[in-house]
C-alpha atoms as a PDB file:
ATOM      1  CA  MET A   1       0.009   0.001   0.035  1.00  0.00           C
ATOM      2  CA  ARG A   2       1.335   3.412  -0.997  1.00  0.00           C
ATOM      3  CA  THR A   3       0.654   6.501   1.198  1.00  0.00           C
ATOM      4  CA  ASP A   4       1.616  10.016   0.062  1.00  0.00           C
ATOM      5  CA  LYS A   5       1.661  13.279   1.894  1.00  0.00           C
ATOM      6  CA  ALA A   6      -0.657  15.812   0.164  1.00  0.00           C
ATOM      7  CA  ILE A   7       1.042  18.119  -2.309  1.00  0.00           C
ATOM      8  CA  TYR A   8      -1.469  20.386  -3.849  1.00  0.00           C
ATOM      9  CA  HIS A   9      -1.471  21.307  -7.628  1.00  0.00           C
ATOM     10  CA  ASP A  10      -3.846  23.866  -9.163  1.00  0.00           C
ATOM     11  CA  ALA A  11      -6.685  22.010 -10.896  1.00  0.00           C
ATOM     12  CA  ILE A  12      -7.389  22.604 -14.598  1.00  0.00           C
ATOM     13  CA  LEU A  13     -11.213  22.813 -14.563  1.00  0.00           C
ATOM     14  CA  PRO A  14     -12.794  25.761 -12.672  1.00  0.00           C
ATOM     15  CA  GLU A  15     -15.195  23.443 -10.841  1.00  0.00           C
ATOM     16  CA  HIS A  16     -12.215  21.420  -9.526  1.00  0.00           C
ATOM     17  CA  GLN A  17     -10.226  24.372  -8.392  1.00  0.00           C
ATOM     18  CA  GLY A  18     -10.144  24.905  -4.566  1.00  0.00           C
ATOM     19  CA  ASN A  19     -11.018  21.266  -3.967  1.00  0.00           C
ATOM     20  CA  PRO A  20      -8.099  19.712  -1.927  1.00  0.00           C
ATOM     21  CA  LEU A  21      -9.211  16.179  -2.738  1.00  0.00           C
ATOM     22  CA  ILE A  22      -8.629  16.698  -6.404  1.00  0.00           C
ATOM     23  CA  GLU A  23      -5.664  19.093  -6.135  1.00  0.00           C
ATOM     24  CA  ALA A  24      -3.823  16.489  -3.990  1.00  0.00           C
ATOM     25  CA  LEU A  25      -3.829  14.025  -6.881  1.00  0.00           C
ATOM     26  CA  ARG A  26      -0.882  13.762  -9.171  1.00  0.00           C
ATOM     27  CA  PRO A  27      -1.034  16.535 -11.769  1.00  0.00           C
ATOM     28  CA  LYS A  28      -2.372  15.657 -15.211  1.00  0.00           C
ATOM     29  CA  LEU A  29       0.381  14.638 -17.557  1.00  0.00           C
ATOM     30  CA  PRO A  30       0.526  13.882 -21.318  1.00  0.00           C
ATOM     31  CA  TRP A  31       0.139  10.232 -22.196  1.00  0.00           C
ATOM     32  CA  GLU A  32       3.837   9.977 -23.210  1.00  0.00           C
ATOM     33  CA  ALA A  33       4.925  10.866 -19.701  1.00  0.00           C
ATOM     34  CA  VAL A  34       2.415   8.475 -18.091  1.00  0.00           C
ATOM     35  CA  MET A  35       3.581   5.734 -20.495  1.00  0.00           C
ATOM     36  CA  GLU A  36       7.177   6.150 -19.277  1.00  0.00           C
ATOM     37  CA  ASP A  37       5.940   5.653 -15.724  1.00  0.00           C
ATOM     38  CA  PHE A  38       4.151   2.416 -16.736  1.00  0.00           C
ATOM     39  CA  SER A  39       7.046   1.008 -18.878  1.00  0.00           C
ATOM     40  CA  ASN A  40       9.647  -1.281 -17.493  1.00  0.00           C
ATOM     41  CA  TYR A  41      12.400  -2.692 -19.688  1.00  0.00           C
ATOM     42  CA  PRO A  42      14.969  -4.832 -17.852  1.00  0.00           C
ATOM     43  CA  ASP A  43      18.634  -4.276 -18.732  1.00  0.00           C
ATOM     44  CA  TYR A  44      19.831  -6.365 -21.660  1.00  0.00           C
ATOM     45  CA  ALA A  45      23.411  -7.077 -22.540  1.00  0.00           C
ATOM     46  CA  GLU A  46      24.819  -8.872 -25.569  1.00  0.00           C
ATOM     47  CA  ASP A  47      27.443 -10.596 -23.424  1.00  0.00           C
ATOM     48  CA  ILE A  48      24.634 -12.333 -21.455  1.00  0.00           C
ATOM     49  CA  ALA A  49      22.937 -13.514 -24.641  1.00  0.00           C
ATOM     50  CA  ASP A  50      26.239 -15.056 -25.703  1.00  0.00           C
ATOM     51  CA  HIS A  51      27.174 -16.353 -22.327  1.00  0.00           C
ATOM     52  CA  PRO A  52      28.554 -19.889 -22.588  1.00  0.00           C
ATOM     53  CA  ASP A  53      26.806 -21.157 -19.480  1.00  0.00           C
ATOM     54  CA  PRO A  54      23.139 -22.049 -20.303  1.00  0.00           C
ATOM     55  CA  LEU A  55      22.158 -21.720 -16.614  1.00  0.00           C
ATOM     56  CA  VAL A  56      23.213 -18.055 -16.616  1.00  0.00           C
ATOM     57  CA  ARG A  57      21.221 -17.438 -19.807  1.00  0.00           C
ATOM     58  CA  ASP A  58      18.252 -19.249 -18.253  1.00  0.00           C
ATOM     59  CA  GLU A  59      18.404 -17.097 -15.084  1.00  0.00           C
ATOM     60  CA  TYR A  60      18.333 -13.841 -17.071  1.00  0.00           C
ATOM     61  CA  LEU A  61      15.265 -15.160 -18.960  1.00  0.00           C
ATOM     62  CA  ASN A  62      13.316 -14.647 -15.723  1.00  0.00           C
ATOM     63  CA  ARG A  63      13.480 -10.950 -16.372  1.00  0.00           C
ATOM     64  CA  ILE A  64      11.010 -11.382 -19.302  1.00  0.00           C
ATOM     65  CA  GLU A  65       8.234 -11.413 -16.714  1.00  0.00           C
ATOM     66  CA  GLU A  66       9.170  -7.918 -15.602  1.00  0.00           C
ATOM     67  CA  ILE A  67       8.741  -6.373 -19.036  1.00  0.00           C
ATOM     68  CA  ARG A  68       5.961  -3.763 -19.154  1.00  0.00           C
ATOM     69  CA  GLN A  69       4.962  -2.238 -22.503  1.00  0.00           C
ATOM     70  CA  PRO A  70       1.774  -0.178 -22.236  1.00  0.00           C
ATOM     71  CA  LEU A  71      -0.629  -0.948 -25.132  1.00  0.00           C
ATOM     72  CA  THR A  72      -3.369   1.247 -26.723  1.00  0.00           C
ATOM     73  CA  ASP A  73      -5.971   0.077 -24.266  1.00  0.00           C
ATOM     74  CA  TYR A  74      -3.876   1.320 -21.313  1.00  0.00           C
ATOM     75  CA  GLN A  75      -4.442   4.916 -22.364  1.00  0.00           C
ATOM     76  CA  ALA A  76      -8.243   4.547 -22.493  1.00  0.00           C
ATOM     77  CA  CYS A  77      -8.260   2.677 -19.194  1.00  0.00           C
ATOM     78  CA  PHE A  78      -6.032   5.223 -17.457  1.00  0.00           C
ATOM     79  CA  ARG A  79      -7.958   8.270 -18.589  1.00  0.00           C
ATOM     80  CA  ALA A  80     -11.301   6.608 -17.613  1.00  0.00           C
ATOM     81  CA  ILE A  81     -10.061   5.875 -14.149  1.00  0.00           C
ATOM     82  CA  GLU A  82      -8.497   9.377 -13.760  1.00  0.00           C
ATOM     83  CA  ARG A  83     -11.793  10.964 -14.916  1.00  0.00           C
ATOM     84  CA  ALA A  84     -13.877   8.736 -12.562  1.00  0.00           C
ATOM     85  CA  ILE A  85     -11.747   9.608  -9.578  1.00  0.00           C
ATOM     86  CA  LYS A  86     -11.975  13.354 -10.199  1.00  0.00           C
ATOM     87  CA  LYS A  87     -15.697  13.187 -10.953  1.00  0.00           C
ATOM     88  CA  GLY A  88     -16.380  11.468  -7.709  1.00  0.00           C
ATOM     89  CA  TYR A  89     -14.440  14.028  -5.703  1.00  0.00           C
ATOM     90  CA  SER A  90     -15.900  16.991  -7.565  1.00  0.00           C
ATOM     91  CA  ALA A  91     -19.055  16.737  -5.382  1.00  0.00           C
ATOM     92  CA  LYS A  92     -17.098  16.310  -2.134  1.00  0.00           C
ATOM     93  CA  ASN A  93     -15.116  19.484  -1.569  1.00  0.00           C
ATOM     94  CA  PRO A  94     -14.477  19.390   2.206  1.00  0.00           C
ATOM     95  CA  LEU A  95     -14.329  23.187   2.296  1.00  0.00           C
ATOM     96  CA  THR A  96     -18.040  23.517   1.469  1.00  0.00           C
ATOM     97  CA  PRO A  97     -21.073  23.372   3.835  1.00  0.00           C
ATOM     98  CA  THR A  98     -22.586  20.850   1.414  1.00  0.00           C
ATOM     99  CA  THR A  99     -19.889  18.311   2.147  1.00  0.00           C
ATOM    100  CA  ALA A 100     -19.991  19.118   5.888  1.00  0.00           C
ATOM    101  CA  GLN A 101     -23.640  18.142   5.968  1.00  0.00           C
ATOM    102  CA  TYR A 102     -22.944  15.077   3.817  1.00  0.00           C
ATOM    103  CA  LEU A 103     -20.269  13.958   6.300  1.00  0.00           C
ATOM    104  CA  HIS A 104     -22.480  14.259   9.344  1.00  0.00           C
ATOM    105  CA  TYR A 105     -25.700  12.760   7.987  1.00  0.00           C
ATOM    106  CA  LEU A 106     -26.738   9.877   5.832  1.00  0.00           C
ATOM    107  CA  VAL A 107     -28.852  10.959   2.832  1.00  0.00           C
ATOM    108  CA  ASP A 108     -32.036   9.692   4.404  1.00  0.00           C
ATOM    109  CA  GLU A 109     -31.276  11.285   7.727  1.00  0.00           C
ATOM    110  CA  ARG A 110     -30.146  14.781   6.649  1.00  0.00           C
ATOM    111  CA  PRO A 111     -32.117  17.803   7.820  1.00  0.00           C
ATOM    112  CA  GLU A 112     -34.405  19.752   5.597  1.00  0.00           C
ATOM    113  CA  ILE A 113     -32.268  22.883   5.985  1.00  0.00           C
ATOM    114  CA  GLU A 114     -30.391  23.323   2.677  1.00  0.00           C
ATOM    115  CA  PRO A 115     -26.794  24.532   2.990  1.00  0.00           C
ATOM    116  CA  ARG A 116     -25.986  27.790   1.012  1.00  0.00           C
ATOM    117  CA  THR A 117     -24.022  25.677  -1.407  1.00  0.00           C
ATOM    118  CA  GLY A 118     -26.939  23.226  -1.899  1.00  0.00           C
ATOM    119  CA  PHE A 119     -27.688  19.677  -0.931  1.00  0.00           C
ATOM    120  CA  PHE A 120     -25.147  17.008  -1.705  1.00  0.00           C
ATOM    121  CA  GLN A 121     -25.620  15.442  -5.156  1.00  0.00           C
ATOM    122  CA  PRO A 122     -23.428  12.366  -5.684  1.00  0.00           C
ATOM    123  CA  LYS A 123     -21.458  12.078  -8.866  1.00  0.00           C
ATOM    124  CA  GLY A 124     -19.859   8.809  -9.955  1.00  0.00           C
ATOM    125  CA  GLU A 125     -18.727   6.970 -12.994  1.00  0.00           C
ATOM    126  CA  GLY A 126     -18.057   3.300 -13.633  1.00  0.00           C
ATOM    127  CA  LEU A 127     -15.768   1.357 -15.874  1.00  0.00           C
ATOM    128  CA  THR A 128     -16.283  -2.164 -17.265  1.00  0.00           C
ATOM    129  CA  LEU A 129     -13.445  -4.241 -18.671  1.00  0.00           C
ATOM    130  CA  ILE A 130     -14.525  -7.187 -20.855  1.00  0.00           C
ATOM    131  CA  GLY A 131     -12.194  -9.717 -22.340  1.00  0.00           C
ATOM    132  CA  GLU A 132     -11.180 -13.315 -22.484  1.00  0.00           C
ATOM    133  CA  SER A 133      -9.417 -14.820 -19.462  1.00  0.00           C
ATOM    134  CA  GLY A 134      -5.734 -14.388 -19.422  1.00  0.00           C
ATOM    135  CA  VAL A 135      -5.474 -11.451 -21.866  1.00  0.00           C
ATOM    136  CA  GLY A 136      -4.229  -9.085 -19.142  1.00  0.00           C
ATOM    137  CA  LYS A 137      -7.252  -7.206 -17.815  1.00  0.00           C
ATOM    138  CA  THR A 138      -6.231  -7.560 -14.189  1.00  0.00           C
ATOM    139  CA  SER A 139      -2.571  -6.718 -14.899  1.00  0.00           C
ATOM    140  CA  MET A 140      -3.575  -3.601 -16.786  1.00  0.00           C
ATOM    141  CA  LEU A 141      -5.979  -2.499 -14.126  1.00  0.00           C
ATOM    142  CA  GLU A 142      -3.475  -2.991 -11.307  1.00  0.00           C
ATOM    143  CA  GLN A 143      -0.824  -1.201 -13.172  1.00  0.00           C
ATOM    144  CA  VAL A 144      -3.076   1.779 -13.954  1.00  0.00           C
ATOM    145  CA  LEU A 145      -4.256   2.020 -10.341  1.00  0.00           C
ATOM    146  CA  SER A 146      -0.727   1.837  -9.058  1.00  0.00           C
ATOM    147  CA  TYR A 147      -0.162   5.197 -10.757  1.00  0.00           C
ATOM    148  CA  PHE A 148      -2.259   6.767  -8.040  1.00  0.00           C
ATOM    149  CA  PRO A 149      -1.421   6.522  -4.265  1.00  0.00           C
ATOM    150  CA  ASN A 150      -3.736   4.347  -2.262  1.00  0.00           C
ATOM    151  CA  VAL A 151      -3.953   6.887   0.493  1.00  0.00           C
ATOM    152  CA  ILE A 152      -3.237  10.618   0.721  1.00  0.00           C
ATOM    153  CA  GLU A 153      -2.573  12.185   4.132  1.00  0.00           C
ATOM    154  CA  HIS A 154      -3.850  15.797   4.502  1.00  0.00           C
ATOM    155  CA  GLY A 155      -2.774  18.519   6.959  1.00  0.00           C
ATOM    156  CA  SER A 156      -3.720  22.045   5.916  1.00  0.00           C
ATOM    157  CA  TYR A 157      -4.801  23.485   2.590  1.00  0.00           C
ATOM    158  CA  LYS A 158      -4.081  27.113   1.690  1.00  0.00           C
ATOM    159  CA  GLU A 159      -4.321  28.223   5.323  1.00  0.00           C
ATOM    160  CA  HIS A 160      -7.526  26.280   5.804  1.00  0.00           C
ATOM    161  CA  PRO A 161      -6.909  23.752   8.583  1.00  0.00           C
ATOM    162  CA  LEU A 162      -7.971  20.296   7.548  1.00  0.00           C
ATOM    163  CA  ALA A 163      -8.301  17.671  10.249  1.00  0.00           C
ATOM    164  CA  LEU A 164      -5.513  15.215   9.535  1.00  0.00           C
ATOM    165  CA  ARG A 165      -7.407  12.508   7.820  1.00  0.00           C
ATOM    166  CA  ARG A 166      -6.461   9.844   5.324  1.00  0.00           C
ATOM    167  CA  GLN A 167      -8.012  10.157   1.909  1.00  0.00           C
ATOM    168  CA  VAL A 168      -8.439   6.722   0.465  1.00  0.00           C
ATOM    169  CA  VAL A 169      -8.112   7.148  -3.331  1.00  0.00           C
ATOM    170  CA  TRP A 170      -8.665   3.534  -4.268  1.00  0.00           C
ATOM    171  CA  ILE A 171      -8.844  -0.046  -3.004  1.00  0.00           C
ATOM    172  CA  LYS A 172      -9.076  -3.241  -5.027  1.00  0.00           C
ATOM    173  CA  VAL A 173     -11.473  -5.935  -3.771  1.00  0.00           C
ATOM    174  CA  ASP A 174     -12.076  -9.208  -5.596  1.00  0.00           C
ATOM    175  CA  CYS A 175     -15.633 -10.507  -5.749  1.00  0.00           C
ATOM    176  CA  PRO A 176     -16.063 -13.505  -3.457  1.00  0.00           C
ATOM    177  CA  SER A 177     -16.288 -16.813  -5.187  1.00  0.00           C
ATOM    178  CA  ASN A 178     -19.669 -17.505  -3.573  1.00  0.00           C
ATOM    179  CA  SER A 179     -21.077 -14.102  -4.808  1.00  0.00           C
ATOM    180  CA  SER A 180     -22.173 -13.299  -1.297  1.00  0.00           C
ATOM    181  CA  VAL A 181     -23.185  -9.671  -0.712  1.00  0.00           C
ATOM    182  CA  ARG A 182     -22.207  -9.931   2.906  1.00  0.00           C
ATOM    183  CA  ASP A 183     -18.779 -11.338   2.143  1.00  0.00           C
ATOM    184  CA  LEU A 184     -18.179  -8.551  -0.408  1.00  0.00           C
ATOM    185  CA  CYS A 185     -19.148  -5.850   2.147  1.00  0.00           C
ATOM    186  CA  GLU A 186     -16.893  -7.464   4.733  1.00  0.00           C
ATOM    187  CA  GLU A 187     -13.979  -7.519   2.263  1.00  0.00           C
ATOM    188  CA  ILE A 188     -14.527  -3.856   1.418  1.00  0.00           C
ATOM    189  CA  LEU A 189     -14.690  -2.931   5.134  1.00  0.00           C
ATOM    190  CA  ALA A 190     -11.476  -4.933   5.813  1.00  0.00           C
ATOM    191  CA  ALA A 191      -9.689  -3.197   2.940  1.00  0.00           C
ATOM    192  CA  LEU A 192     -10.704   0.236   4.226  1.00  0.00           C
ATOM    193  CA  ASP A 193      -9.511  -0.722   7.707  1.00  0.00           C
ATOM    194  CA  LEU A 194      -6.146  -1.661   6.350  1.00  0.00           C
ATOM    195  CA  SER A 195      -5.888   1.538   4.311  1.00  0.00           C
ATOM    196  CA  LEU A 196      -6.746   3.666   7.321  1.00  0.00           C
ATOM    197  CA  ASP A 197      -4.268   1.723   9.477  1.00  0.00           C
ATOM    198  CA  ARG A 198      -6.863   0.981  12.238  1.00  0.00           C
ATOM    199  CA  GLU A 199      -8.125  -1.950  14.093  1.00  0.00           C
ATOM    200  CA  LYS A 200     -10.472  -4.364  12.261  1.00  0.00           C
ATOM    201  CA  THR A 201     -14.020  -3.066  12.324  1.00  0.00           C
ATOM    202  CA  LYS A 202     -16.597  -5.578  13.647  1.00  0.00           C
ATOM    203  CA  PRO A 203     -19.169  -6.087  10.849  1.00  0.00           C
ATOM    204  CA  ALA A 204     -22.788  -5.396  11.681  1.00  0.00           C
ATOM    205  CA  GLY A 205     -25.157  -8.347  12.188  1.00  0.00           C
ATOM    206  CA  THR A 206     -27.577  -7.887   9.256  1.00  0.00           C
ATOM    207  CA  ILE A 207     -27.002  -7.077   5.592  1.00  0.00           C
ATOM    208  CA  GLY A 208     -28.910  -3.829   5.831  1.00  0.00           C
ATOM    209  CA  ALA A 209     -26.994  -2.639   8.854  1.00  0.00           C
ATOM    210  CA  LEU A 210     -23.672  -3.734   7.280  1.00  0.00           C
ATOM    211  CA  VAL A 211     -24.376  -1.769   4.118  1.00  0.00           C
ATOM    212  CA  ARG A 212     -25.149   1.398   6.291  1.00  0.00           C
ATOM    213  CA  GLN A 213     -21.968   0.706   8.299  1.00  0.00           C
ATOM    214  CA  LEU A 214     -19.980   0.494   5.135  1.00  0.00           C
ATOM    215  CA  GLU A 215     -21.554   3.709   3.842  1.00  0.00           C
ATOM    216  CA  GLN A 216     -20.568   5.595   6.987  1.00  0.00           C
ATOM    217  CA  CYS A 217     -16.992   4.114   6.745  1.00  0.00           C
ATOM    218  CA  ILE A 218     -16.663   5.242   3.138  1.00  0.00           C
ATOM    219  CA  VAL A 219     -17.835   8.745   4.038  1.00  0.00           C
ATOM    220  CA  SER A 220     -15.301   8.953   6.864  1.00  0.00           C
ATOM    221  CA  VAL A 221     -12.324   8.721   4.487  1.00  0.00           C
ATOM    222  CA  THR A 222     -13.009  12.247   3.208  1.00  0.00           C
ATOM    223  CA  PRO A 223     -10.917  14.882   5.046  1.00  0.00           C
ATOM    224  CA  THR A 224     -12.901  17.423   7.047  1.00  0.00           C
ATOM    225  CA  THR A 225     -12.182  21.023   7.813  1.00  0.00           C
ATOM    226  CA  HIS A 226     -12.740  23.237  10.732  1.00  0.00           C
ATOM    227  CA  SER A 227     -13.651  26.449   8.794  1.00  0.00           C
ATOM    228  CA  TYR A 228     -15.296  27.353   5.533  1.00  0.00           C
ATOM    229  CA  PRO A 229     -14.426  30.126   3.067  1.00  0.00           C
ATOM    230  CA  ASN A 230     -16.914  32.881   2.361  1.00  0.00           C
END
């Protein structure tokens, strides 16, 4: 798991500017620069290829598994994930009263008093990868996700004191073999506990209560602030 300290970069879109969750992400780079980050070409030497000892040549062949050459699909996958992360955070600026209300109340429990910045409207985007088994879907997804830190630790943002919270950017959870909703929820809960470096959360007894518990846990990984700009 990779944890980075927050370093803020000015966002490109006006609606993203001033949002520490988005501005703490790695700055947007051209695909050529991202591709260099994804690529890995183990050192090759002619003297090894011509080495008289077959055991030495065989040992160096193990490096083939370390070769990484991003293909065309990598770019589409990377940009889709980058867009989905930013879109999800665009509605969760911790410096707004809207997000403050969202953090304190579940949607079905929030008061009728509307914050001056409006009620919280969730934004999200999904991605589906379809392909034959063994073509590299999981490898591509893991490599693309590894470009982003799992967790970002926040302190203060432009003189606005943020409570030091961990922003969980992404977790990867495999669907249980038995397709159990409860097992899936417990896996997500355990992954969040690990990302937040805290003791294991005891899952609620019923599916409904477990889903609400998971919802509250997911909400809690958004940094909060002590003051709001005018």
